[in-house]
Every structure is written in C-alpha cells, then in structure tokens.
N, C-alpha and C. Protein backbone atom coordinates (compact mmCIF):
# COMPACT_ATOMS: atom_id res chain seq x y z
N MET A 1 -11.34 16.56 -12.62
CA MET A 1 -12.25 15.26 -12.34
C MET A 1 -13.62 16.23 -12.82
N GLU A 2 -13.99 17.23 -12.93
CA GLU A 2 -15.58 17.49 -13.28
C GLU A 2 -15.62 16.59 -15.18
N LYS A 3 -14.61 17.22 -15.56
CA LYS A 3 -14.68 16.44 -17.24
C LYS A 3 -14.38 15.20 -17.03
N ALA A 4 -13.80 14.35 -16.39
CA ALA A 4 -13.71 12.99 -16.13
C ALA A 4 -15.08 12.81 -15.58
N GLN A 5 -15.55 12.99 -14.65
CA GLN A 5 -17.04 13.24 -14.40
C GLN A 5 -18.11 12.52 -15.63
N LYS A 6 -18.10 13.71 -16.34
CA LYS A 6 -18.48 14.10 -17.82
C LYS A 6 -18.47 13.40 -18.76
N GLY A 7 -17.37 12.62 -18.65
CA GLY A 7 -16.97 11.57 -19.53
C GLY A 7 -15.75 11.58 -20.47
N ASP A 8 -15.53 13.30 -20.28
CA ASP A 8 -14.37 13.02 -21.31
C ASP A 8 -13.12 12.76 -21.35
N GLN A 9 -12.69 11.03 -21.95
CA GLN A 9 -11.99 10.34 -21.29
C GLN A 9 -10.42 11.04 -21.66
N ASP A 10 -10.15 11.90 -22.13
CA ASP A 10 -8.52 12.66 -22.01
C ASP A 10 -8.39 12.54 -20.12
N ALA A 11 -9.57 14.10 -19.76
CA ALA A 11 -9.86 14.29 -18.60
C ALA A 11 -9.34 12.88 -17.41
N LEU A 12 -9.81 11.91 -17.89
CA LEU A 12 -10.31 10.65 -16.47
C LEU A 12 -8.86 10.13 -17.05
N ASP A 13 -8.04 10.01 -18.79
CA ASP A 13 -6.69 9.67 -18.45
C ASP A 13 -6.17 10.19 -17.62
N THR A 14 -5.88 11.63 -17.67
CA THR A 14 -4.84 12.31 -17.48
C THR A 14 -5.04 12.15 -15.62
N LEU A 15 -6.52 12.27 -15.16
CA LEU A 15 -6.27 11.80 -13.97
C LEU A 15 -5.79 10.81 -13.27
N LEU A 16 -6.19 9.60 -13.95
CA LEU A 16 -5.55 8.27 -13.70
C LEU A 16 -3.90 8.37 -13.68
N ARG A 17 -4.10 9.10 -14.51
CA ARG A 17 -2.13 8.73 -14.46
C ARG A 17 -1.59 9.28 -13.42
N GLN A 18 -2.01 10.55 -13.29
CA GLN A 18 -1.79 11.60 -12.08
C GLN A 18 -1.12 10.71 -11.22
N HIS A 19 -2.12 9.91 -10.68
CA HIS A 19 -2.82 9.13 -9.58
C HIS A 19 -2.32 7.56 -9.37
N TYR A 20 -1.73 7.46 -10.44
CA TYR A 20 -1.14 5.78 -10.31
C TYR A 20 -0.04 5.98 -10.01
N ASN A 21 0.96 6.28 -9.60
CA ASN A 21 1.95 5.78 -8.59
C ASN A 21 1.68 5.91 -6.89
N LYS A 22 0.96 6.65 -6.77
CA LYS A 22 -0.26 6.56 -5.48
C LYS A 22 -0.96 5.73 -5.21
N ILE A 23 -1.58 4.95 -6.41
CA ILE A 23 -2.30 3.74 -6.37
C ILE A 23 -1.86 2.54 -6.10
N TYR A 24 -1.03 2.64 -6.80
CA TYR A 24 0.04 1.42 -6.73
C TYR A 24 1.07 1.28 -5.01
N ALA A 25 1.33 2.11 -5.06
CA ALA A 25 2.46 2.33 -3.98
C ALA A 25 1.61 1.93 -2.62
N ILE A 26 -0.08 2.32 -2.64
CA ILE A 26 -0.62 2.00 -1.78
C ILE A 26 -1.18 0.64 -1.33
N CYS A 27 -0.93 -0.48 -2.95
CA CYS A 27 -1.58 -1.68 -3.23
C CYS A 27 -1.01 -2.24 -3.02
N ARG A 28 0.66 -2.03 -3.22
CA ARG A 28 2.19 -2.62 -2.38
C ARG A 28 2.55 -3.08 -1.47
N ARG A 29 1.75 -1.66 -0.66
CA ARG A 29 2.72 -1.85 0.98
C ARG A 29 1.20 -2.51 1.47
N LEU A 30 -0.28 -2.52 0.64
CA LEU A 30 -1.08 -3.14 1.65
C LEU A 30 -1.14 -4.78 1.25
N ALA A 31 -0.49 -5.09 -0.13
CA ALA A 31 -0.53 -6.55 -0.99
C ALA A 31 0.43 -7.23 0.12
N GLY A 32 1.81 -6.73 0.17
CA GLY A 32 3.25 -6.82 0.42
C GLY A 32 3.49 -7.92 -0.81
N ASN A 33 3.28 -8.32 -1.81
CA ASN A 33 4.05 -8.49 -2.72
C ASN A 33 3.35 -8.21 -4.07
N GLU A 34 4.16 -7.57 -4.92
CA GLU A 34 4.06 -6.94 -6.40
C GLU A 34 2.92 -7.93 -7.63
N ALA A 35 3.29 -8.47 -7.39
CA ALA A 35 1.99 -9.87 -8.11
C ALA A 35 0.47 -9.19 -7.98
N ASP A 36 0.41 -9.40 -6.51
CA ASP A 36 -1.26 -8.67 -6.26
C ASP A 36 -0.97 -7.49 -6.27
N ALA A 37 -0.20 -6.89 -5.73
CA ALA A 37 -0.04 -5.13 -5.74
C ALA A 37 -0.73 -4.42 -7.65
N LEU A 38 -0.27 -5.24 -8.29
CA LEU A 38 -0.64 -4.71 -9.66
C LEU A 38 -1.84 -5.18 -9.68
N ASP A 39 -2.53 -6.36 -9.62
CA ASP A 39 -3.68 -7.07 -9.89
C ASP A 39 -4.90 -6.11 -9.22
N ALA A 40 -4.20 -5.68 -7.77
CA ALA A 40 -4.85 -4.53 -7.04
C ALA A 40 -5.27 -3.23 -7.67
N THR A 41 -4.16 -2.73 -8.27
CA THR A 41 -4.06 -1.63 -8.51
C THR A 41 -5.19 -1.74 -9.82
N GLN A 42 -4.88 -2.16 -10.57
CA GLN A 42 -5.81 -2.39 -12.14
C GLN A 42 -6.99 -2.64 -11.84
N GLU A 43 -7.42 -3.16 -10.55
CA GLU A 43 -9.10 -3.82 -10.13
C GLU A 43 -9.31 -2.21 -9.18
N ALA A 44 -8.47 -1.52 -9.00
CA ALA A 44 -8.61 -0.21 -8.49
C ALA A 44 -9.20 0.60 -9.58
N LEU A 45 -7.80 0.85 -10.94
CA LEU A 45 -8.34 1.49 -11.54
C LEU A 45 -9.47 1.16 -12.59
N ILE A 46 -9.97 0.41 -12.64
CA ILE A 46 -11.12 -0.24 -13.34
C ILE A 46 -12.69 0.22 -12.75
N THR A 47 -12.21 0.17 -11.14
CA THR A 47 -13.29 0.89 -10.24
C THR A 47 -13.72 1.95 -10.29
N LEU A 48 -12.08 2.77 -10.18
CA LEU A 48 -12.73 4.81 -10.53
C LEU A 48 -13.21 4.65 -11.45
N VAL A 49 -12.90 4.24 -12.83
CA VAL A 49 -13.35 4.44 -14.16
C VAL A 49 -15.02 4.62 -13.71
N ARG A 50 -15.45 3.29 -13.19
CA ARG A 50 -17.00 2.55 -13.22
C ARG A 50 -17.48 3.81 -12.15
N ARG A 51 -17.39 3.75 -11.21
CA ARG A 51 -17.42 5.00 -10.17
C ARG A 51 -17.29 6.15 -10.17
N ILE A 52 -16.84 6.48 -11.09
CA ILE A 52 -16.41 8.41 -11.19
C ILE A 52 -17.33 9.08 -11.38
N ASP A 53 -18.19 8.57 -11.74
CA ASP A 53 -19.59 9.86 -11.73
C ASP A 53 -20.08 9.07 -10.03
N ARG A 54 -19.82 8.77 -9.74
CA ARG A 54 -20.24 8.85 -8.34
C ARG A 54 -19.58 9.24 -7.47
N PHE A 55 -18.86 9.83 -7.46
CA PHE A 55 -18.13 10.66 -6.31
C PHE A 55 -18.61 12.38 -6.26
N ASP A 56 -19.32 12.63 -4.84
CA ASP A 56 -19.88 13.81 -5.11
C ASP A 56 -19.16 14.71 -4.26
N GLY A 57 -18.37 14.52 -4.57
CA GLY A 57 -17.68 16.37 -4.25
C GLY A 57 -17.49 16.33 -2.48
N ARG A 58 -18.26 15.55 -1.22
CA ARG A 58 -18.46 16.01 0.17
C ARG A 58 -16.64 15.67 0.87
N SER A 59 -16.01 14.77 -0.40
CA SER A 59 -14.78 14.99 0.53
C SER A 59 -13.70 15.05 -0.56
N LYS A 60 -12.31 15.16 -0.25
CA LYS A 60 -11.21 15.40 -1.92
C LYS A 60 -11.12 14.33 -2.21
N PHE A 61 -11.01 14.47 -3.72
CA PHE A 61 -10.81 13.58 -4.96
C PHE A 61 -10.40 12.42 -3.93
N THR A 62 -9.12 13.03 -3.61
CA THR A 62 -7.61 11.62 -3.17
C THR A 62 -8.51 10.87 -2.14
N THR A 63 -9.02 11.82 -1.40
CA THR A 63 -9.87 10.74 0.41
C THR A 63 -10.75 9.86 -0.21
N TRP A 64 -11.35 10.14 -1.65
CA TRP A 64 -12.40 9.14 -1.91
C TRP A 64 -11.53 7.85 -2.98
N MET A 65 -10.38 8.75 -3.42
CA MET A 65 -9.51 7.49 -4.26
C MET A 65 -9.51 6.31 -3.53
N HIS A 66 -8.28 7.18 -2.01
CA HIS A 66 -8.28 6.18 -1.30
C HIS A 66 -8.66 5.28 -0.71
N ARG A 67 -9.90 5.47 -0.53
CA ARG A 67 -10.88 4.52 0.08
C ARG A 67 -11.76 3.43 -0.65
N VAL A 68 -11.18 3.45 -2.78
CA VAL A 68 -11.70 2.79 -3.65
C VAL A 68 -10.41 2.18 -3.65
N VAL A 69 -9.46 2.62 -3.99
CA VAL A 69 -7.97 1.82 -4.05
C VAL A 69 -7.80 0.54 -2.87
N THR A 70 -8.45 0.99 -0.88
CA THR A 70 -8.42 0.43 -0.05
C THR A 70 -9.03 -1.01 -0.67
N ASN A 71 -10.37 -0.82 -0.73
CA ASN A 71 -11.58 -1.54 -1.04
C ASN A 71 -10.67 -2.54 -2.13
N ALA A 72 -10.22 -2.61 -3.28
CA ALA A 72 -9.82 -3.01 -3.90
C ALA A 72 -8.57 -4.26 -3.66
N CYS A 73 -7.60 -3.30 -2.79
CA CYS A 73 -6.71 -4.25 -2.80
C CYS A 73 -7.38 -5.26 -1.56
N LEU A 74 -7.96 -4.62 -0.83
CA LEU A 74 -8.40 -5.59 0.27
C LEU A 74 -9.24 -7.00 -0.28
N ASP A 75 -9.66 -6.67 -1.59
CA ASP A 75 -10.86 -7.38 -2.35
C ASP A 75 -9.84 -8.52 -2.97
N GLU A 76 -8.66 -7.96 -3.28
CA GLU A 76 -7.76 -9.00 -3.71
C GLU A 76 -7.31 -9.92 -3.12
N MET A 77 -6.87 -8.98 -1.61
CA MET A 77 -6.16 -9.76 -0.98
C MET A 77 -7.08 -11.09 -0.29
N ARG A 78 -8.24 -11.04 0.04
CA ARG A 78 -9.17 -11.91 0.42
C ARG A 78 -9.13 -12.92 -1.20
N ARG A 79 -8.93 -12.71 -2.24
CA ARG A 79 -8.92 -13.21 -3.19
C ARG A 79 -7.79 -14.27 -3.32
N ARG A 80 -6.47 -13.48 -3.23
CA ARG A 80 -5.15 -13.69 -2.60
C ARG A 80 -4.83 -15.30 -1.86
N GLY A 81 -5.76 -15.26 -1.03
CA GLY A 81 -5.90 -16.57 -0.39
C GLY A 81 -6.44 -17.72 -0.35
N ARG A 82 -6.72 -17.22 -1.47
CA ARG A 82 -7.62 -19.24 -2.57
C ARG A 82 -5.60 -19.40 -3.72
N ARG A 83 -5.07 -18.85 -3.47
CA ARG A 83 -3.73 -18.17 -4.59
C ARG A 83 -2.13 -18.65 -3.73
N PRO A 84 -1.45 -19.10 -4.46
CA PRO A 84 0.25 -19.20 -3.36
C PRO A 84 0.42 -17.84 -3.36
N VAL A 85 1.00 -17.46 -2.31
CA VAL A 85 1.56 -16.64 -2.28
C VAL A 85 3.19 -16.46 -2.85
N PRO A 86 3.99 -15.70 -3.75
CA PRO A 86 5.33 -15.79 -3.76
C PRO A 86 6.23 -15.44 -2.07
N SER A 87 6.57 -16.23 -2.48
CA SER A 87 7.82 -16.06 -1.26
C SER A 87 8.79 -14.27 -1.22
N PRO A 88 8.91 -13.67 -0.12
CA PRO A 88 9.95 -13.03 -0.39
C PRO A 88 11.09 -12.78 -1.40
N VAL A 89 11.82 -14.35 -1.18
CA VAL A 89 13.38 -14.61 -2.23
C VAL A 89 12.60 -13.97 -3.35
N GLU A 90 11.83 -14.96 -4.02
CA GLU A 90 11.13 -14.50 -5.90
C GLU A 90 11.25 -13.45 -5.68
N GLU A 91 10.26 -12.66 -4.62
CA GLU A 91 10.12 -10.99 -5.50
C GLU A 91 11.22 -10.35 -5.45
N GLN A 92 12.39 -10.32 -4.68
CA GLN A 92 13.47 -9.59 -4.28
C GLN A 92 14.22 -10.26 -5.93
N PRO A 93 14.98 -9.16 -7.16
CA PRO A 93 15.52 -9.75 -8.42
C PRO A 93 16.83 -9.71 -7.57
N LEU A 94 17.41 -10.58 -8.32
CA LEU A 94 19.27 -10.78 -7.96
C LEU A 94 20.16 -9.75 -8.01
N ALA A 95 19.55 -9.02 -9.52
CA ALA A 95 20.43 -7.68 -9.35
C ALA A 95 20.61 -7.13 -8.40
N ALA A 96 19.31 -6.37 -8.05
CA ALA A 96 19.31 -5.77 -6.69
C ALA A 96 20.03 -5.63 -5.62
N ALA A 97 20.55 -6.59 -5.45
CA ALA A 97 21.09 -7.14 -4.52
C ALA A 97 22.53 -6.83 -4.55
N GLU A 98 23.04 -7.30 -6.00
CA GLU A 98 24.17 -7.04 -6.30
C GLU A 98 24.91 -5.62 -6.89
N ARG A 99 24.09 -4.41 -6.63
CA ARG A 99 24.52 -2.96 -6.92
C ARG A 99 24.17 -2.52 -5.61
N PRO A 100 25.15 -1.60 -5.64
CA PRO A 100 25.02 -0.57 -4.63
C PRO A 100 24.14 0.22 -4.15
N VAL A 101 23.23 0.81 -3.34
CA VAL A 101 21.88 1.32 -3.58
C VAL A 101 21.81 2.78 -2.67
N ALA A 102 21.22 3.87 -2.95
CA ALA A 102 21.19 5.22 -1.79
C ALA A 102 20.70 4.22 -0.84
N ASP A 103 20.85 4.92 0.61
CA ASP A 103 20.80 5.25 1.68
C ASP A 103 18.65 4.98 1.78
N THR A 104 18.74 5.78 1.31
CA THR A 104 16.92 6.06 1.04
C THR A 104 16.14 4.82 0.61
N VAL A 105 16.90 4.56 -0.40
CA VAL A 105 16.21 3.44 -1.19
C VAL A 105 16.69 1.85 -0.10
N GLY A 106 17.44 1.52 0.10
CA GLY A 106 17.13 0.41 0.95
C GLY A 106 16.40 0.46 2.00
N ASP A 107 16.48 1.64 2.63
CA ASP A 107 15.15 1.77 3.97
C ASP A 107 14.23 1.94 3.28
N ARG A 108 13.49 1.96 2.47
CA ARG A 108 12.23 2.16 1.50
C ARG A 108 12.15 -0.07 1.27
N LEU A 109 13.25 -0.37 1.32
CA LEU A 109 12.80 -1.77 0.63
C LEU A 109 12.62 -2.23 2.20
N ASP A 110 13.97 -1.96 3.19
CA ASP A 110 13.61 -2.74 3.93
C ASP A 110 12.27 -2.61 4.80
N ILE A 111 12.04 -1.51 4.84
CA ILE A 111 10.02 -1.59 5.49
C ILE A 111 9.65 -1.85 4.76
N GLU A 112 9.39 -2.09 3.18
CA GLU A 112 8.44 -3.09 2.32
C GLU A 112 8.53 -4.52 2.76
N ALA A 113 9.70 -4.92 2.82
CA ALA A 113 9.73 -6.46 3.35
C ALA A 113 9.30 -6.70 4.60
N ALA A 114 9.55 -5.19 5.85
CA ALA A 114 8.96 -5.91 6.65
C ALA A 114 7.55 -5.82 6.91
N LEU A 115 7.26 -4.99 6.07
CA LEU A 115 5.52 -4.78 6.02
C LEU A 115 4.85 -5.80 5.50
N ALA A 116 5.80 -6.68 4.83
CA ALA A 116 4.99 -8.02 4.38
C ALA A 116 5.33 -9.27 5.13
N GLN A 117 6.11 -9.31 6.23
CA GLN A 117 5.81 -9.89 7.27
C GLN A 117 4.66 -9.85 8.26
N LEU A 118 4.23 -8.64 8.25
CA LEU A 118 3.35 -8.24 9.38
C LEU A 118 1.66 -8.93 8.99
N PRO A 119 0.97 -9.18 10.33
CA PRO A 119 0.24 -10.01 9.78
C PRO A 119 -1.21 -9.05 8.91
N GLU A 120 -2.12 -9.38 8.00
CA GLU A 120 -3.09 -8.25 7.41
C GLU A 120 -3.38 -7.70 8.03
N GLU A 121 -4.03 -7.86 9.20
CA GLU A 121 -5.05 -7.50 10.65
C GLU A 121 -3.68 -5.82 11.30
N PHE A 122 -3.00 -6.40 10.73
CA PHE A 122 -1.61 -5.11 11.31
C PHE A 122 -1.03 -3.95 10.39
N ARG A 123 -0.59 -4.85 9.35
CA ARG A 123 -0.32 -4.77 7.92
C ARG A 123 -1.32 -3.22 7.76
N VAL A 124 -2.67 -3.54 7.46
CA VAL A 124 -3.35 -2.66 7.02
C VAL A 124 -3.65 -1.50 7.26
N PRO A 125 -4.18 -1.37 9.33
CA PRO A 125 -4.05 -0.26 9.46
C PRO A 125 -3.07 0.21 9.55
N VAL A 126 -1.70 -0.11 9.79
CA VAL A 126 -0.33 0.78 9.67
C VAL A 126 0.23 1.35 8.55
N VAL A 127 -0.41 0.77 7.52
CA VAL A 127 -0.13 1.04 5.77
C VAL A 127 -1.27 2.24 5.69
N LEU A 128 -2.81 2.39 5.91
CA LEU A 128 -3.64 3.29 5.65
C LEU A 128 -2.95 4.42 6.69
N CYS A 129 -2.32 4.33 8.18
CA CYS A 129 -2.27 5.72 8.66
C CYS A 129 -1.18 6.15 8.31
N ASP A 130 0.08 5.40 8.14
CA ASP A 130 1.51 5.97 8.00
C ASP A 130 1.52 6.16 6.62
N GLN A 131 1.48 5.47 5.69
CA GLN A 131 1.51 5.39 4.24
C GLN A 131 0.36 6.72 3.63
N VAL A 132 -1.18 6.35 3.83
CA VAL A 132 -2.18 7.15 2.92
C VAL A 132 -2.31 8.00 3.88
N GLY A 133 -2.36 8.17 5.14
CA GLY A 133 -2.42 9.34 5.53
C GLY A 133 -3.59 9.20 6.45
N LEU A 134 -4.33 8.29 6.60
CA LEU A 134 -5.52 8.59 7.23
C LEU A 134 -5.78 8.58 8.59
N SER A 135 -6.67 8.70 8.90
CA SER A 135 -6.95 8.98 10.11
C SER A 135 -7.71 7.63 11.33
N TYR A 136 -7.45 7.59 12.36
CA TYR A 136 -7.82 6.33 13.03
C TYR A 136 -9.30 5.99 12.97
N GLU A 137 -10.05 7.65 13.04
CA GLU A 137 -11.62 7.31 12.65
C GLU A 137 -12.37 6.70 10.99
N GLN A 138 -10.87 7.44 9.84
CA GLN A 138 -11.18 7.24 9.07
C GLN A 138 -11.15 5.42 8.05
N ILE A 139 -9.99 4.81 9.23
CA ILE A 139 -9.77 3.56 9.41
C ILE A 139 -10.83 3.24 9.50
N ALA A 140 -10.88 3.24 10.71
CA ALA A 140 -12.31 2.42 11.20
C ALA A 140 -13.74 2.08 10.29
N GLU A 141 -13.69 3.02 10.19
CA GLU A 141 -14.94 3.43 8.89
C GLU A 141 -14.48 2.53 7.71
N GLU A 142 -13.65 2.64 7.38
CA GLU A 142 -12.69 1.23 5.91
C GLU A 142 -12.80 0.62 6.43
N LEU A 143 -11.79 -0.19 7.69
CA LEU A 143 -11.74 -1.54 7.90
C LEU A 143 -13.48 -2.16 8.39
N ASN A 144 -14.30 -0.87 9.01
CA ASN A 144 -15.17 -1.64 9.54
C ASN A 144 -15.44 -2.16 10.93
N ILE A 145 -14.49 -1.47 11.82
CA ILE A 145 -13.88 -1.81 13.30
C ILE A 145 -13.75 -0.59 14.07
N ALA A 146 -14.17 -1.09 15.06
CA ALA A 146 -13.62 -0.06 16.50
C ALA A 146 -12.61 0.99 15.89
N PRO A 147 -12.45 2.14 16.64
CA PRO A 147 -11.41 3.35 16.81
C PRO A 147 -10.08 2.71 17.69
N GLY A 148 -11.02 2.29 18.52
CA GLY A 148 -9.88 1.95 19.91
C GLY A 148 -8.95 0.34 18.78
N THR A 149 -9.89 -0.23 18.35
CA THR A 149 -9.16 -1.76 17.48
C THR A 149 -8.58 -0.90 16.59
N VAL A 150 -8.59 0.14 15.94
CA VAL A 150 -7.36 0.80 15.35
C VAL A 150 -6.11 1.19 15.70
N ARG A 151 -6.41 2.15 16.82
CA ARG A 151 -5.12 2.30 17.65
C ARG A 151 -4.80 1.35 18.15
N SER A 152 -5.14 0.10 18.73
CA SER A 152 -4.37 -1.35 18.80
C SER A 152 -3.52 -1.80 18.07
N ARG A 153 -4.33 -1.97 16.97
CA ARG A 153 -3.65 -2.55 15.75
C ARG A 153 -2.34 -1.30 15.21
N ILE A 154 -2.69 -0.77 15.27
CA ILE A 154 -1.56 0.25 15.12
C ILE A 154 -0.21 0.01 15.10
N SER A 155 -0.45 0.47 17.24
CA SER A 155 0.47 0.05 17.77
C SER A 155 0.87 -1.10 17.98
N ARG A 156 -0.11 -1.77 17.72
CA ARG A 156 0.63 -3.52 17.54
C ARG A 156 1.30 -3.46 16.55
N GLY A 157 1.01 -3.30 15.49
CA GLY A 157 1.94 -3.56 13.99
C GLY A 157 3.06 -2.37 13.91
N ARG A 158 3.11 -1.46 14.55
CA ARG A 158 4.64 -0.47 14.32
C ARG A 158 5.38 -1.41 15.58
N ARG A 159 4.74 -1.94 16.68
CA ARG A 159 6.22 -2.71 17.65
C ARG A 159 6.42 -3.53 16.83
N ARG A 160 5.65 -4.42 16.00
CA ARG A 160 6.28 -5.79 15.34
C ARG A 160 7.10 -5.42 14.07
N LEU A 161 6.52 -3.99 13.11
CA LEU A 161 7.38 -3.58 12.13
C LEU A 161 9.16 -3.28 13.00
N ALA A 162 9.04 -2.52 14.01
CA ALA A 162 10.32 -2.25 14.75
C ALA A 162 11.16 -3.58 15.36
N GLU A 163 10.68 -4.23 15.55
CA GLU A 163 10.70 -5.88 15.91
C GLU A 163 12.05 -6.64 14.48
N VAL A 164 10.81 -6.24 13.33
CA VAL A 164 11.50 -6.92 12.39
C VAL A 164 12.44 -6.19 12.11
N LEU A 165 12.17 -4.86 12.01
CA LEU A 165 13.41 -4.12 11.16
C LEU A 165 14.90 -4.05 12.09
N ARG A 166 14.50 -3.83 13.42
CA ARG A 166 16.05 -4.29 14.12
C ARG A 166 16.24 -6.09 14.35
N GLY A 167 15.83 -6.21 13.59
CA GLY A 167 16.41 -7.64 12.97
C GLY A 167 17.24 -7.91 11.81
N ASN A 168 16.93 -6.76 11.28
CA ASN A 168 17.42 -6.78 9.53
C ASN A 168 18.67 -5.98 9.79
N PRO A 169 20.39 -6.16 9.25
CA PRO A 169 21.13 -5.77 9.55
C PRO A 169 20.99 -4.74 8.58
N ASP A 170 20.30 -4.31 7.57
CA ASP A 170 20.48 -2.85 7.12
C ASP A 170 19.33 -1.99 7.12
N SER A 171 18.64 -2.53 8.46
CA SER A 171 17.01 -1.03 8.70
C SER A 171 17.97 0.14 8.77
N PRO A 172 16.62 1.31 8.70
CA PRO A 172 16.71 2.26 8.93
C PRO A 172 17.39 2.58 10.00
N GLY A 173 18.04 3.38 10.30
CA GLY A 173 19.06 3.78 11.25
C GLY A 173 20.45 2.90 11.73
N GLN A 174 20.70 2.08 10.67
CA GLN A 174 22.31 1.92 10.74
C GLN A 174 23.06 2.06 9.45
N ARG A 175 23.97 2.02 9.22
CA ARG A 175 24.88 3.09 8.13
C ARG A 175 24.16 1.73 7.16
N HIS A 176 24.47 1.99 5.81
CA HIS A 176 24.58 0.61 4.62
C HIS A 176 26.07 0.98 4.21
N THR A 177 26.45 -0.45 3.91
CA THR A 177 28.01 -0.14 3.41
C THR A 177 28.24 -0.29 2.04
N GLY A 178 27.00 -1.05 1.43
CA GLY A 178 26.90 -1.92 0.31
C GLY A 178 26.89 -2.86 -0.37
N GLU A 179 27.57 -3.56 1.15
CA GLU A 179 27.50 -5.27 1.40
C GLU A 179 26.28 -5.54 1.69
N ARG A 180 26.61 -6.84 1.32
CA ARG A 180 25.30 -7.71 1.71
C ARG A 180 26.07 -8.81 2.13
N PRO A 181 25.63 -9.75 3.39
CA PRO A 181 26.12 -11.04 4.37
C PRO A 181 26.49 -11.94 3.06
C-alpha cells in the first residue's frame, strides 16, 4: 500500500489485482447486470489509481476501497439511467442453462438474478450490508441517508429478495435437480 502511494507501479498493479475480484463482485451486485458492472469496475479502478495518494490510513484500505468502488458504481448506475438496460434473458448465457451446476453456484446465480429485480433503493443498501459488510452507519454516510432509513430499506429489501427467491423454483433452500423447466 505504502509503495503504491509513493508511485511504485508494480505495487499498485499488485494491489489492484489482489482486490479486483472483490471490486467486480461489489459492482456486479450493485449494478444488477454485467455490462454496467464492468464499466463501474473500470471506473473504480481508475479512481483508485488517481486517488491512492489520498488514502490517509485512518481506516483500513479495504474500507476506503469499498467507498470508492461504491461511489463509482452508483455514478455508473446514474449514467445507466440514460441507456437501455439489458434484460435478464440477455444476461444469462444459454450454455449455462444446459449444463448441470453445483448447488452453491446455482444459488449464487439465483441470488444475483433476484438482486437485479430489486429496485435500486433496496438493492444498494442490501448489497452494501450483506455483501460488502458495511455497518448501517457506514451505509447511511455512504448514501447520505439516515441510519433509520438504511435499516428500513435493508429490511424491506431482504423481504422482497426472499419473496423473489420463493417464486423461483431453483431458489436456495430447495434441492437442485439439474433439470430446467
């Protein structure tokens, strides 16, 4: 981290490679589709490079990184409002439906699909809490809303997520047969 802040390109490259999967995962869950997630990931990486010298060490690097990534993704989602959003059918490759998958992989795909169906106001707080691990207070600060609003949105978001998953025949908690309807 310190070497990266002092301009060591190899150290910066290593740092970004170490955290790339986490950055992409956050963007994928917040954005709700792969195209916007890739754009947001790229923006987050650029922002991290440009602002690495601003990391002051008052928090863990990953906490600071999550904030940068979340902001980049939210910015991308605002820009997405002016562009068409691919439908869920376009996002799912046909080959994936034709081959059997492990239960955990299927469950994760179900959860991502269900998250994509949530309105942004619920999806973002749920992902920041359950996937990124931010506290309600951190989420409130990040989204510039009251902590009570965060609690409400997470509760309502989780409830809607559960409803969507219950309506899915392959939802977590049910056995995957490997067959598709």
